[in-house]
Amino acid sequence: MYQCYNGFFDGGVPCGTFIKSISNDALNYWERSFFQRCSSIIEFDGLPEAAPGQIGWDYDAFMYQLFRMGYAVVFNTKKYGMVVQPGYPSGYGLQYQPRAMTISTQFFQFNRPLEIGTECGVIKLTPDYRGIWDIITKYAVEMQHAEVAIRQSALNARFAYGAFAKDDKQKKSLEAMFQRLANGEPAIILNPDLKRPLDGKTGEGGAYELPIMQIDRDLSKNFILPELMEFRRTILMDFYRELGIKVQPDKKERMNVNESESADAETFNRREVWRICLEKSLDEVNKMYGLNITFKINEPKQDTEGSEDNARLLRNTGE
């Protein structure tokens, strides 16, 4: 295992190793990866800082809460100042919308829910008080299946052998031989008891072979690794489109303007919902508590007009 700094920083919560459990580790890897990709889209500024004797907001915890729960409850306290906490919708108004938030954490246990708009504010990422972890989980599971298929295809690309053993001693000898072959040893010394006569004749004049058979001699018909790698890339591109990031579809021929605009439209709606929810809820929270929390949506870097890359893009879209 790779180590640096003499292992002094190898503690904490470990990442997956992909050694013992490729399936579970792949799921955890992509769930973590997709969350970090989501976190890079929206950037907040102006989160309350710590006043003397109080505690400011932790940016990473705030981002995780917002993406995980879809909202964050804000209220003012004498001990901690302005805080953000997890809460749960309570009660309903005339249009059956939540009227209050139930707060029950190790820091706060109120005997009744806090009224939204008077006793607390809610920063909302989504309009239905749910996070976007379903998006992260959906694509993480798809990537998990793709990773397992890619790993299996890579293994199947090697020659597969089977062996026959008449007793446990031969079994162990054959297992050791296969292990040494898999480790890349160019020459192996075998136990002579493993060989068996081809024609039933024994002695110096007889022909011998090992009790080994090749399972599949035509590997090319099962080699689908390039297709699986492209399948994994397609999942990743679909995830980006789900987040509202412009990703042009793979086309061999030139795209016209309508096709390019149609591809852009696929990425628009969901992120626009998030923008509207954040703008409205932050406006209410800022006015209620005199804050100045702002956000921006990070866009991928665009080519400047006149550059060679932009010229190629324009040619591709038919402009």
C-alpha atoms as a PDB file:
ATOM      1  CA  MET A   1       0.000   0.000   0.000  1.00  0.00           C
ATOM      2  CA  TYR A   2       1.246   3.453  -0.887  1.00  0.00           C
ATOM      3  CA  GLN A   3       2.422   5.511   2.082  1.00  0.00           C
ATOM      4  CA  CYS A   4       3.959   8.902   2.526  1.00  0.00           C
ATOM      5  CA  TYR A   5       5.196  10.929   5.498  1.00  0.00           C
ATOM      6  CA  ASN A   6       6.008   7.680   7.352  1.00  0.00           C
ATOM      7  CA  GLY A   7       2.316   6.951   7.871  1.00  0.00           C
ATOM      8  CA  PHE A   8       1.696   9.850  10.262  1.00  0.00           C
ATOM      9  CA  PHE A   9      -1.388  10.945   8.305  1.00  0.00           C
ATOM     10  CA  ASP A  10      -2.798   7.484   7.564  1.00  0.00           C
ATOM     11  CA  GLY A  11      -5.289   7.531  10.422  1.00  0.00           C
ATOM     12  CA  GLY A  12      -8.798   8.922  10.423  1.00  0.00           C
ATOM     13  CA  VAL A  13     -11.652   7.516   8.373  1.00  0.00           C
ATOM     14  CA  PRO A  14     -10.146   5.230   5.722  1.00  0.00           C
ATOM     15  CA  CYS A  15     -11.121   5.186   2.066  1.00  0.00           C
ATOM     16  CA  GLY A  16     -12.018   1.972   0.274  1.00  0.00           C
ATOM     17  CA  THR A  17      -9.229  -0.370  -0.775  1.00  0.00           C
ATOM     18  CA  PHE A  18     -10.991  -2.112  -3.722  1.00  0.00           C
ATOM     19  CA  ILE A  19      -9.193  -5.294  -2.652  1.00  0.00           C
ATOM     20  CA  LYS A  20     -11.557  -7.309  -0.479  1.00  0.00           C
ATOM     21  CA  SER A  21     -14.841  -5.924  -1.763  1.00  0.00           C
ATOM     22  CA  ILE A  22     -14.817  -4.264  -5.168  1.00  0.00           C
ATOM     23  CA  SER A  23     -18.612  -3.902  -5.169  1.00  0.00           C
ATOM     24  CA  ASN A  24     -19.050  -2.106  -1.821  1.00  0.00           C
ATOM     25  CA  ASP A  25     -15.880  -0.047  -2.238  1.00  0.00           C
ATOM     26  CA  ALA A  26     -16.958   1.051  -5.721  1.00  0.00           C
ATOM     27  CA  LEU A  27     -20.338   2.178  -4.394  1.00  0.00           C
ATOM     28  CA  ASN A  28     -18.745   4.163  -1.566  1.00  0.00           C
ATOM     29  CA  TYR A  29     -16.156   5.622  -3.931  1.00  0.00           C
ATOM     30  CA  TRP A  30     -18.682   6.939  -6.436  1.00  0.00           C
ATOM     31  CA  GLU A  31     -21.095   8.175  -3.771  1.00  0.00           C
ATOM     32  CA  ARG A  32     -18.251  10.212  -2.290  1.00  0.00           C
ATOM     33  CA  SER A  33     -17.084  11.319  -5.736  1.00  0.00           C
ATOM     34  CA  PHE A  34     -20.536  12.455  -6.864  1.00  0.00           C
ATOM     35  CA  PHE A  35     -21.109  14.394  -3.640  1.00  0.00           C
ATOM     36  CA  GLN A  36     -17.844  16.264  -4.146  1.00  0.00           C
ATOM     37  CA  ARG A  37     -18.780  16.980  -7.757  1.00  0.00           C
ATOM     38  CA  CYS A  38     -22.124  18.366  -6.561  1.00  0.00           C
ATOM     39  CA  SER A  39     -20.409  20.511  -3.936  1.00  0.00           C
ATOM     40  CA  SER A  40     -18.315  22.220  -6.587  1.00  0.00           C
ATOM     41  CA  ILE A  41     -21.365  23.509  -8.477  1.00  0.00           C
ATOM     42  CA  ILE A  42     -22.721  25.872  -5.803  1.00  0.00           C
ATOM     43  CA  GLU A  43     -20.448  28.162  -3.797  1.00  0.00           C
ATOM     44  CA  PHE A  44     -21.665  30.150  -0.782  1.00  0.00           C
ATOM     45  CA  ASP A  45     -20.264  33.319   0.690  1.00  0.00           C
ATOM     46  CA  GLY A  46     -21.111  35.368   3.784  1.00  0.00           C
ATOM     47  CA  LEU A  47     -21.852  32.508   6.168  1.00  0.00           C
ATOM     48  CA  PRO A  48     -21.979  33.855   9.764  1.00  0.00           C
ATOM     49  CA  GLU A  49     -18.599  33.970  11.436  1.00  0.00           C
ATOM     50  CA  ALA A  50     -17.955  33.426  15.122  1.00  0.00           C
ATOM     51  CA  ALA A  51     -18.568  36.403  17.379  1.00  0.00           C
ATOM     52  CA  PRO A  52     -16.604  36.614  20.672  1.00  0.00           C
ATOM     53  CA  GLY A  53     -17.507  33.559  22.726  1.00  0.00           C
ATOM     54  CA  GLN A  54     -19.686  32.100  19.981  1.00  0.00           C
ATOM     55  CA  ILE A  55     -19.312  29.592  17.139  1.00  0.00           C
ATOM     56  CA  GLY A  56     -19.373  30.295  13.404  1.00  0.00           C
ATOM     57  CA  TRP A  57     -20.798  28.070  10.705  1.00  0.00           C
ATOM     58  CA  ASP A  58     -18.717  25.222   9.355  1.00  0.00           C
ATOM     59  CA  TYR A  59     -18.822  25.490   5.563  1.00  0.00           C
ATOM     60  CA  ASP A  60     -18.371  21.766   4.849  1.00  0.00           C
ATOM     61  CA  ALA A  61     -21.027  20.685   7.363  1.00  0.00           C
ATOM     62  CA  PHE A  62     -23.444  23.274   5.965  1.00  0.00           C
ATOM     63  CA  MET A  63     -22.905  22.027   2.409  1.00  0.00           C
ATOM     64  CA  TYR A  64     -23.358  18.402   3.415  1.00  0.00           C
ATOM     65  CA  GLN A  65     -26.589  19.200   5.281  1.00  0.00           C
ATOM     66  CA  LEU A  66     -27.963  21.149   2.340  1.00  0.00           C
ATOM     67  CA  PHE A  67     -27.311  18.398  -0.201  1.00  0.00           C
ATOM     68  CA  ARG A  68     -28.279  15.578   2.150  1.00  0.00           C
ATOM     69  CA  MET A  69     -31.475  17.061   3.617  1.00  0.00           C
ATOM     70  CA  GLY A  70     -32.336  19.674   1.005  1.00  0.00           C
ATOM     71  CA  TYR A  71     -32.657  22.453   3.580  1.00  0.00           C
ATOM     72  CA  ALA A  72     -30.995  23.940   6.674  1.00  0.00           C
ATOM     73  CA  VAL A  73     -32.748  25.493   9.686  1.00  0.00           C
ATOM     74  CA  VAL A  74     -31.391  28.847  10.899  1.00  0.00           C
ATOM     75  CA  PHE A  75     -32.170  30.489  14.247  1.00  0.00           C
ATOM     76  CA  ASN A  76     -30.565  32.799  16.786  1.00  0.00           C
ATOM     77  CA  THR A  77     -29.384  31.670  20.215  1.00  0.00           C
ATOM     78  CA  LYS A  78     -27.934  33.443  23.248  1.00  0.00           C
ATOM     79  CA  LYS A  79     -25.158  30.888  23.777  1.00  0.00           C
ATOM     80  CA  TYR A  80     -23.957  30.182  20.239  1.00  0.00           C
ATOM     81  CA  GLY A  81     -25.225  33.150  18.267  1.00  0.00           C
ATOM     82  CA  MET A  82     -26.653  32.474  14.805  1.00  0.00           C
ATOM     83  CA  VAL A  83     -26.708  28.716  14.232  1.00  0.00           C
ATOM     84  CA  VAL A  84     -27.686  26.291  11.510  1.00  0.00           C
ATOM     85  CA  GLN A  85     -29.078  22.935  12.622  1.00  0.00           C
ATOM     86  CA  PRO A  86     -30.886  19.908  11.219  1.00  0.00           C
ATOM     87  CA  GLY A  87     -34.620  19.946  11.790  1.00  0.00           C
ATOM     88  CA  TYR A  88     -37.786  18.281  10.614  1.00  0.00           C
ATOM     89  CA  PRO A  89     -40.924  19.904   9.168  1.00  0.00           C
ATOM     90  CA  SER A  90     -43.864  20.105  11.534  1.00  0.00           C
ATOM     91  CA  GLY A  91     -47.472  21.250  11.280  1.00  0.00           C
ATOM     92  CA  TYR A  92     -49.105  22.566   8.123  1.00  0.00           C
ATOM     93  CA  GLY A  93     -50.587  25.786   6.884  1.00  0.00           C
ATOM     94  CA  LEU A  94     -53.574  26.618   4.715  1.00  0.00           C
ATOM     95  CA  GLN A  95     -51.911  25.093   1.652  1.00  0.00           C
ATOM     96  CA  TYR A  96     -50.574  22.197   3.725  1.00  0.00           C
ATOM     97  CA  GLN A  97     -47.048  23.582   3.689  1.00  0.00           C
ATOM     98  CA  PRO A  98     -44.860  23.020   6.789  1.00  0.00           C
ATOM     99  CA  ARG A  99     -45.340  25.794   9.353  1.00  0.00           C
ATOM    100  CA  ALA A 100     -42.586  24.942  11.837  1.00  0.00           C
ATOM    101  CA  MET A 101     -39.386  22.993  12.382  1.00  0.00           C
ATOM    102  CA  THR A 102     -38.796  20.437  15.118  1.00  0.00           C
ATOM    103  CA  ILE A 103     -35.251  20.748  16.477  1.00  0.00           C
ATOM    104  CA  SER A 104     -33.938  17.876  18.579  1.00  0.00           C
ATOM    105  CA  THR A 105     -30.157  17.590  18.673  1.00  0.00           C
ATOM    106  CA  GLN A 106     -27.561  17.107  21.381  1.00  0.00           C
ATOM    107  CA  PHE A 107     -27.233  20.907  21.535  1.00  0.00           C
ATOM    108  CA  PHE A 108     -30.898  21.941  21.365  1.00  0.00           C
ATOM    109  CA  GLN A 109     -34.049  20.278  22.702  1.00  0.00           C
ATOM    110  CA  PHE A 110     -37.007  22.618  22.394  1.00  0.00           C
ATOM    111  CA  ASN A 111     -40.314  21.659  23.956  1.00  0.00           C
ATOM    112  CA  ARG A 112     -42.184  22.701  20.793  1.00  0.00           C
ATOM    113  CA  PRO A 113     -41.427  23.264  17.096  1.00  0.00           C
ATOM    114  CA  LEU A 114     -40.027  26.651  16.021  1.00  0.00           C
ATOM    115  CA  GLU A 115     -42.346  28.735  13.854  1.00  0.00           C
ATOM    116  CA  ILE A 116     -40.940  29.307  10.352  1.00  0.00           C
ATOM    117  CA  GLY A 117     -40.653  33.000   9.575  1.00  0.00           C
ATOM    118  CA  THR A 118     -40.776  34.231  13.169  1.00  0.00           C
ATOM    119  CA  GLU A 119     -38.628  31.900  15.261  1.00  0.00           C
ATOM    120  CA  CYS A 120     -36.486  30.302  12.563  1.00  0.00           C
ATOM    121  CA  GLY A 121     -35.644  30.546   8.898  1.00  0.00           C
ATOM    122  CA  VAL A 122     -35.083  27.796   6.359  1.00  0.00           C
ATOM    123  CA  ILE A 123     -32.468  27.821   3.599  1.00  0.00           C
ATOM    124  CA  LYS A 124     -33.863  25.547   0.908  1.00  0.00           C
ATOM    125  CA  LEU A 125     -32.113  23.826  -1.974  1.00  0.00           C
ATOM    126  CA  THR A 126     -35.222  21.972  -3.142  1.00  0.00           C
ATOM    127  CA  PRO A 127     -38.918  22.896  -2.898  1.00  0.00           C
ATOM    128  CA  ASP A 128     -40.040  19.623  -1.285  1.00  0.00           C
ATOM    129  CA  TYR A 129     -37.795  19.523   1.811  1.00  0.00           C
ATOM    130  CA  ARG A 130     -35.767  16.640   0.424  1.00  0.00           C
ATOM    131  CA  GLY A 131     -32.131  16.472  -0.510  1.00  0.00           C
ATOM    132  CA  ILE A 132     -30.548  15.417  -3.751  1.00  0.00           C
ATOM    133  CA  TRP A 133     -28.937  12.293  -2.359  1.00  0.00           C
ATOM    134  CA  ASP A 134     -31.242  10.209  -4.525  1.00  0.00           C
ATOM    135  CA  ILE A 135     -29.384  11.577  -7.573  1.00  0.00           C
ATOM    136  CA  ILE A 136     -26.035  10.758  -5.993  1.00  0.00           C
ATOM    137  CA  THR A 137     -27.149   7.268  -4.966  1.00  0.00           C
ATOM    138  CA  LYS A 138     -28.776   6.469  -8.310  1.00  0.00           C
ATOM    139  CA  TYR A 139     -25.670   7.216 -10.330  1.00  0.00           C
ATOM    140  CA  ALA A 140     -23.359   5.721  -7.700  1.00  0.00           C
ATOM    141  CA  VAL A 141     -25.250   2.400  -7.985  1.00  0.00           C
ATOM    142  CA  GLU A 142     -25.058   2.543 -11.786  1.00  0.00           C
ATOM    143  CA  MET A 143     -21.334   3.218 -11.564  1.00  0.00           C
ATOM    144  CA  GLN A 144     -20.980   0.373  -9.079  1.00  0.00           C
ATOM    145  CA  HIS A 145     -22.501  -2.057 -11.578  1.00  0.00           C
ATOM    146  CA  ALA A 146     -20.309  -0.654 -14.343  1.00  0.00           C
ATOM    147  CA  GLU A 147     -17.145  -0.990 -12.226  1.00  0.00           C
ATOM    148  CA  VAL A 148     -17.950  -4.597 -11.336  1.00  0.00           C
ATOM    149  CA  ALA A 149     -18.612  -5.404 -15.002  1.00  0.00           C
ATOM    150  CA  ILE A 150     -15.368  -3.690 -16.057  1.00  0.00           C
ATOM    151  CA  ARG A 151     -13.380  -5.579 -13.427  1.00  0.00           C
ATOM    152  CA  GLN A 152     -14.967  -8.870 -14.478  1.00  0.00           C
ATOM    153  CA  SER A 153     -14.331  -8.156 -18.157  1.00  0.00           C
ATOM    154  CA  ALA A 154     -10.701  -7.353 -17.428  1.00  0.00           C
ATOM    155  CA  LEU A 155     -10.334 -10.652 -15.595  1.00  0.00           C
ATOM    156  CA  ASN A 156     -12.077 -12.549 -18.383  1.00  0.00           C
ATOM    157  CA  ALA A 157      -9.622 -11.064 -20.874  1.00  0.00           C
ATOM    158  CA  ARG A 158      -6.986 -13.412 -19.477  1.00  0.00           C
ATOM    159  CA  PHE A 159      -6.709 -17.072 -20.401  1.00  0.00           C
ATOM    160  CA  ALA A 160      -8.770 -19.162 -17.970  1.00  0.00           C
ATOM    161  CA  TYR A 161      -7.574 -22.589 -16.897  1.00  0.00           C
ATOM    162  CA  GLY A 162      -9.008 -25.448 -14.893  1.00  0.00           C
ATOM    163  CA  ALA A 163      -7.189 -28.345 -13.250  1.00  0.00           C
ATOM    164  CA  PHE A 164      -7.931 -31.818 -11.892  1.00  0.00           C
ATOM    165  CA  ALA A 165      -6.487 -33.032  -8.609  1.00  0.00           C
ATOM    166  CA  LYS A 166      -6.808 -36.562  -7.259  1.00  0.00           C
ATOM    167  CA  ASP A 167      -5.949 -35.601  -3.692  1.00  0.00           C
ATOM    168  CA  ASP A 168      -5.374 -32.618  -1.438  1.00  0.00           C
ATOM    169  CA  LYS A 169      -1.619 -32.698  -2.039  1.00  0.00           C
ATOM    170  CA  GLN A 170      -2.049 -32.255  -5.779  1.00  0.00           C
ATOM    171  CA  LYS A 171      -4.666 -29.577  -5.186  1.00  0.00           C
ATOM    172  CA  LYS A 172      -2.241 -27.493  -3.126  1.00  0.00           C
ATOM    173  CA  SER A 173       0.522 -27.954  -5.690  1.00  0.00           C
ATOM    174  CA  LEU A 174      -1.711 -26.776  -8.538  1.00  0.00           C
ATOM    175  CA  GLU A 175      -2.981 -23.804  -6.537  1.00  0.00           C
ATOM    176  CA  ALA A 176       0.597 -22.734  -5.826  1.00  0.00           C
ATOM    177  CA  MET A 177       1.461 -23.069  -9.513  1.00  0.00           C
ATOM    178  CA  PHE A 178      -1.478 -20.884 -10.622  1.00  0.00           C
ATOM    179  CA  GLN A 179      -0.656 -18.288  -8.018  1.00  0.00           C
ATOM    180  CA  ARG A 180       2.969 -18.064  -9.162  1.00  0.00           C
ATOM    181  CA  LEU A 181       1.851 -17.807 -12.795  1.00  0.00           C
ATOM    182  CA  ALA A 182      -0.554 -14.995 -11.891  1.00  0.00           C
ATOM    183  CA  ASN A 183       2.329 -13.196 -10.177  1.00  0.00           C
ATOM    184  CA  GLY A 184       4.270 -13.194 -13.441  1.00  0.00           C
ATOM    185  CA  GLU A 185       7.007 -15.744 -12.782  1.00  0.00           C
ATOM    186  CA  PRO A 186       8.520 -16.764 -16.147  1.00  0.00           C
ATOM    187  CA  ALA A 187       9.504 -20.321 -15.161  1.00  0.00           C
ATOM    188  CA  ILE A 188       8.105 -22.657 -12.531  1.00  0.00           C
ATOM    189  CA  ILE A 189       9.443 -25.960 -11.201  1.00  0.00           C
ATOM    190  CA  LEU A 190       6.591 -28.428 -10.744  1.00  0.00           C
ATOM    191  CA  ASN A 191       6.109 -31.592  -8.756  1.00  0.00           C
ATOM    192  CA  PRO A 192       6.691 -34.513 -11.207  1.00  0.00           C
ATOM    193  CA  ASP A 193       3.810 -36.405  -9.606  1.00  0.00           C
ATOM    194  CA  LEU A 194       1.412 -33.984 -11.335  1.00  0.00           C
ATOM    195  CA  LYS A 195       2.118 -35.272 -14.814  1.00  0.00           C
ATOM    196  CA  ARG A 196       0.041 -38.077 -16.293  1.00  0.00           C
ATOM    197  CA  PRO A 197       0.658 -40.301 -19.351  1.00  0.00           C
ATOM    198  CA  LEU A 198      -1.098 -39.378 -22.605  1.00  0.00           C
ATOM    199  CA  ASP A 199      -1.206 -42.847 -24.141  1.00  0.00           C
ATOM    200  CA  GLY A 200      -1.338 -44.947 -21.004  1.00  0.00           C
ATOM    201  CA  LYS A 201       2.365 -45.799 -21.293  1.00  0.00           C
ATOM    202  CA  THR A 202       4.687 -45.018 -18.454  1.00  0.00           C
ATOM    203  CA  GLY A 203       8.437 -44.824 -18.398  1.00  0.00           C
ATOM    204  CA  GLU A 204      10.952 -42.850 -20.410  1.00  0.00           C
ATOM    205  CA  GLY A 205       9.289 -43.496 -23.781  1.00  0.00           C
ATOM    206  CA  GLY A 206       5.816 -42.317 -22.770  1.00  0.00           C
ATOM    207  CA  ALA A 207       4.274 -38.925 -23.459  1.00  0.00           C
ATOM    208  CA  TYR A 208       2.987 -36.910 -20.536  1.00  0.00           C
ATOM    209  CA  GLU A 209       0.781 -33.888 -19.856  1.00  0.00           C
ATOM    210  CA  LEU A 210      -0.330 -31.882 -16.841  1.00  0.00           C
ATOM    211  CA  PRO A 211      -3.921 -32.297 -15.563  1.00  0.00           C
ATOM    212  CA  ILE A 212      -4.819 -28.810 -16.821  1.00  0.00           C
ATOM    213  CA  MET A 213      -7.452 -27.678 -19.305  1.00  0.00           C
ATOM    214  CA  GLN A 214      -8.028 -24.288 -20.972  1.00  0.00           C
ATOM    215  CA  ILE A 215     -11.579 -23.089 -20.399  1.00  0.00           C
ATOM    216  CA  ASP A 216     -11.982 -20.616 -23.269  1.00  0.00           C
ATOM    217  CA  ARG A 217      -9.596 -20.389 -26.218  1.00  0.00           C
ATOM    218  CA  ASP A 218     -11.333 -17.526 -28.052  1.00  0.00           C
ATOM    219  CA  LEU A 219     -11.078 -14.497 -25.726  1.00  0.00           C
ATOM    220  CA  SER A 220     -11.905 -11.947 -28.424  1.00  0.00           C
ATOM    221  CA  LYS A 221     -15.593 -12.885 -28.512  1.00  0.00           C
ATOM    222  CA  ASN A 222     -15.946 -12.014 -24.803  1.00  0.00           C
ATOM    223  CA  PHE A 223     -13.766  -8.884 -24.789  1.00  0.00           C
ATOM    224  CA  ILE A 224     -16.242  -6.040 -24.273  1.00  0.00           C
ATOM    225  CA  LEU A 225     -14.017  -3.817 -22.149  1.00  0.00           C
ATOM    226  CA  PRO A 226     -14.042  -0.837 -24.580  1.00  0.00           C
ATOM    227  CA  GLU A 227     -17.842  -0.883 -24.673  1.00  0.00           C
ATOM    228  CA  LEU A 228     -18.021  -1.015 -20.873  1.00  0.00           C
ATOM    229  CA  MET A 229     -15.592   1.901 -20.532  1.00  0.00           C
ATOM    230  CA  GLU A 230     -17.783   3.937 -22.887  1.00  0.00           C
ATOM    231  CA  PHE A 231     -20.845   2.871 -20.896  1.00  0.00           C
ATOM    232  CA  ARG A 232     -19.226   4.207 -17.711  1.00  0.00           C
ATOM    233  CA  ARG A 233     -18.480   7.508 -19.426  1.00  0.00           C
ATOM    234  CA  THR A 234     -22.116   7.747 -20.569  1.00  0.00           C
ATOM    235  CA  ILE A 235     -23.294   7.359 -16.967  1.00  0.00           C
ATOM    236  CA  LEU A 236     -20.943  10.146 -15.900  1.00  0.00           C
ATOM    237  CA  MET A 237     -22.191  12.440 -18.672  1.00  0.00           C
ATOM    238  CA  ASP A 238     -25.815  11.728 -17.703  1.00  0.00           C
ATOM    239  CA  PHE A 239     -24.956  12.668 -14.117  1.00  0.00           C
ATOM    240  CA  TYR A 240     -23.532  15.995 -15.262  1.00  0.00           C
ATOM    241  CA  ARG A 241     -26.646  16.695 -17.313  1.00  0.00           C
ATOM    242  CA  GLU A 242     -28.746  15.934 -14.240  1.00  0.00           C
ATOM    243  CA  LEU A 243     -26.841  18.641 -12.381  1.00  0.00           C
ATOM    244  CA  GLY A 244     -27.347  21.177 -15.135  1.00  0.00           C
ATOM    245  CA  ILE A 245     -23.829  21.065 -16.537  1.00  0.00           C
ATOM    246  CA  LYS A 246     -23.656  21.461 -20.302  1.00  0.00           C
ATOM    247  CA  VAL A 247     -22.290  18.289 -21.844  1.00  0.00           C
ATOM    248  CA  GLN A 248     -22.536  17.878 -25.580  1.00  0.00           C
ATOM    249  CA  PRO A 249     -23.618  14.415 -26.750  1.00  0.00           C
ATOM    250  CA  ASP A 250     -21.134  12.222 -28.549  1.00  0.00           C
ATOM    251  CA  LYS A 251     -21.786  12.594 -32.252  1.00  0.00           C
ATOM    252  CA  LYS A 252     -19.540  11.620 -35.100  1.00  0.00           C
ATOM    253  CA  GLU A 253     -21.177  14.007 -37.515  1.00  0.00           C
ATOM    254  CA  ARG A 254     -21.487  17.782 -37.217  1.00  0.00           C
ATOM    255  CA  MET A 255     -24.214  19.167 -34.931  1.00  0.00           C
ATOM    256  CA  ASN A 256     -26.506  21.945 -36.082  1.00  0.00           C
ATOM    257  CA  VAL A 257     -27.626  24.848 -33.885  1.00  0.00           C
ATOM    258  CA  ASN A 258     -30.979  23.281 -32.976  1.00  0.00           C
ATOM    259  CA  GLU A 259     -29.339  20.062 -31.843  1.00  0.00           C
ATOM    260  CA  SER A 260     -26.825  21.974 -29.736  1.00  0.00           C
ATOM    261  CA  GLU A 261     -29.546  24.070 -28.095  1.00  0.00           C
ATOM    262  CA  SER A 262     -31.638  20.978 -27.489  1.00  0.00           C
ATOM    263  CA  ALA A 263     -28.691  19.314 -25.753  1.00  0.00           C
ATOM    264  CA  ASP A 264     -28.254  22.410 -23.563  1.00  0.00           C
ATOM    265  CA  ALA A 265     -31.947  22.369 -22.640  1.00  0.00           C
ATOM    266  CA  GLU A 266     -31.564  18.881 -21.190  1.00  0.00           C
ATOM    267  CA  THR A 267     -29.298  20.297 -18.494  1.00  0.00           C
ATOM    268  CA  PHE A 268     -31.335  23.366 -17.557  1.00  0.00           C
ATOM    269  CA  ASN A 269     -34.417  22.648 -15.465  1.00  0.00           C
ATOM    270  CA  ARG A 270     -33.192  20.935 -12.318  1.00  0.00           C
ATOM    271  CA  ARG A 271     -30.418  23.383 -11.560  1.00  0.00           C
ATOM    272  CA  GLU A 272     -32.814  26.260 -12.218  1.00  0.00           C
ATOM    273  CA  VAL A 273     -35.129  24.861  -9.530  1.00  0.00           C
ATOM    274  CA  TRP A 274     -32.223  24.864  -7.077  1.00  0.00           C
ATOM    275  CA  ARG A 275     -31.315  28.435  -8.012  1.00  0.00           C
ATOM    276  CA  ILE A 276     -34.874  29.690  -7.500  1.00  0.00           C
ATOM    277  CA  CYS A 277     -35.220  27.921  -4.136  1.00  0.00           C
ATOM    278  CA  LEU A 278     -31.908  29.260  -2.868  1.00  0.00           C
ATOM    279  CA  GLU A 279     -32.617  32.817  -4.015  1.00  0.00           C
ATOM    280  CA  LYS A 280     -36.056  32.978  -2.380  1.00  0.00           C
ATOM    281  CA  SER A 281     -35.114  31.261   0.872  1.00  0.00           C
ATOM    282  CA  LEU A 282     -31.845  33.169   1.308  1.00  0.00           C
ATOM    283  CA  ASP A 283     -33.664  36.450   0.708  1.00  0.00           C
ATOM    284  CA  GLU A 284     -36.080  35.619   3.542  1.00  0.00           C
ATOM    285  CA  VAL A 285     -33.344  34.435   5.931  1.00  0.00           C
ATOM    286  CA  ASN A 286     -31.102  37.419   5.201  1.00  0.00           C
ATOM    287  CA  LYS A 287     -33.934  39.893   5.842  1.00  0.00           C
ATOM    288  CA  MET A 288     -35.045  38.078   8.965  1.00  0.00           C
ATOM    289  CA  TYR A 289     -31.626  38.031  10.667  1.00  0.00           C
ATOM    290  CA  GLY A 290     -29.734  40.828   8.947  1.00  0.00           C
ATOM    291  CA  LEU A 291     -27.363  38.436   7.206  1.00  0.00           C
ATOM    292  CA  ASN A 292     -25.715  38.655   3.815  1.00  0.00           C
ATOM    293  CA  ILE A 293     -25.433  35.038   2.689  1.00  0.00           C
ATOM    294  CA  THR A 294     -24.988  34.799  -1.062  1.00  0.00           C
ATOM    295  CA  PHE A 295     -24.301  32.016  -3.525  1.00  0.00           C
ATOM    296  CA  LYS A 296     -23.124  31.560  -7.062  1.00  0.00           C
ATOM    297  CA  ILE A 297     -23.418  28.680  -9.481  1.00  0.00           C
ATOM    298  CA  ASN A 298     -20.061  27.761 -10.943  1.00  0.00           C
ATOM    299  CA  GLU A 299     -20.059  27.241 -14.669  1.00  0.00           C
ATOM    300  CA  PRO A 300     -17.442  25.290 -16.602  1.00  0.00           C
ATOM    301  CA  LYS A 301     -14.832  27.534 -18.158  1.00  0.00           C
ATOM    302  CA  GLN A 302     -15.947  28.773 -21.545  1.00  0.00           C
ATOM    303  CA  ASP A 303     -13.639  29.384 -24.483  1.00  0.00           C
ATOM    304  CA  THR A 304     -13.141  33.014 -25.356  1.00  0.00           C
ATOM    305  CA  GLU A 305     -14.457  34.165 -28.718  1.00  0.00           C
ATOM    306  CA  GLY A 306     -11.831  33.896 -31.395  1.00  0.00           C
ATOM    307  CA  SER A 307      -9.853  31.075 -29.824  1.00  0.00           C
ATOM    308  CA  GLU A 308      -9.074  27.994 -31.855  1.00  0.00           C
ATOM    309  CA  ASP A 309     -11.040  25.752 -29.482  1.00  0.00           C
ATOM    310  CA  ASN A 310     -14.068  28.018 -29.744  1.00  0.00           C
ATOM    311  CA  ALA A 311     -13.742  28.087 -33.513  1.00  0.00           C
ATOM    312  CA  ARG A 312     -13.811  24.304 -33.599  1.00  0.00           C
ATOM    313  CA  LEU A 313     -16.882  24.334 -31.348  1.00  0.00           C
ATOM    314  CA  LEU A 314     -18.670  26.763 -33.644  1.00  0.00           C
ATOM    315  CA  ARG A 315     -17.814  24.666 -36.663  1.00  0.00           C
ATOM    316  CA  ASN A 316     -19.162  21.590 -34.877  1.00  0.00           C
ATOM    317  CA  THR A 317     -22.478  23.302 -34.088  1.00  0.00           C
ATOM    318  CA  GLY A 318     -22.864  24.591 -37.607  1.00  0.00           C
ATOM    319  CA  GLU A 319     -22.675  28.310 -36.761  1.00  0.00           C
END
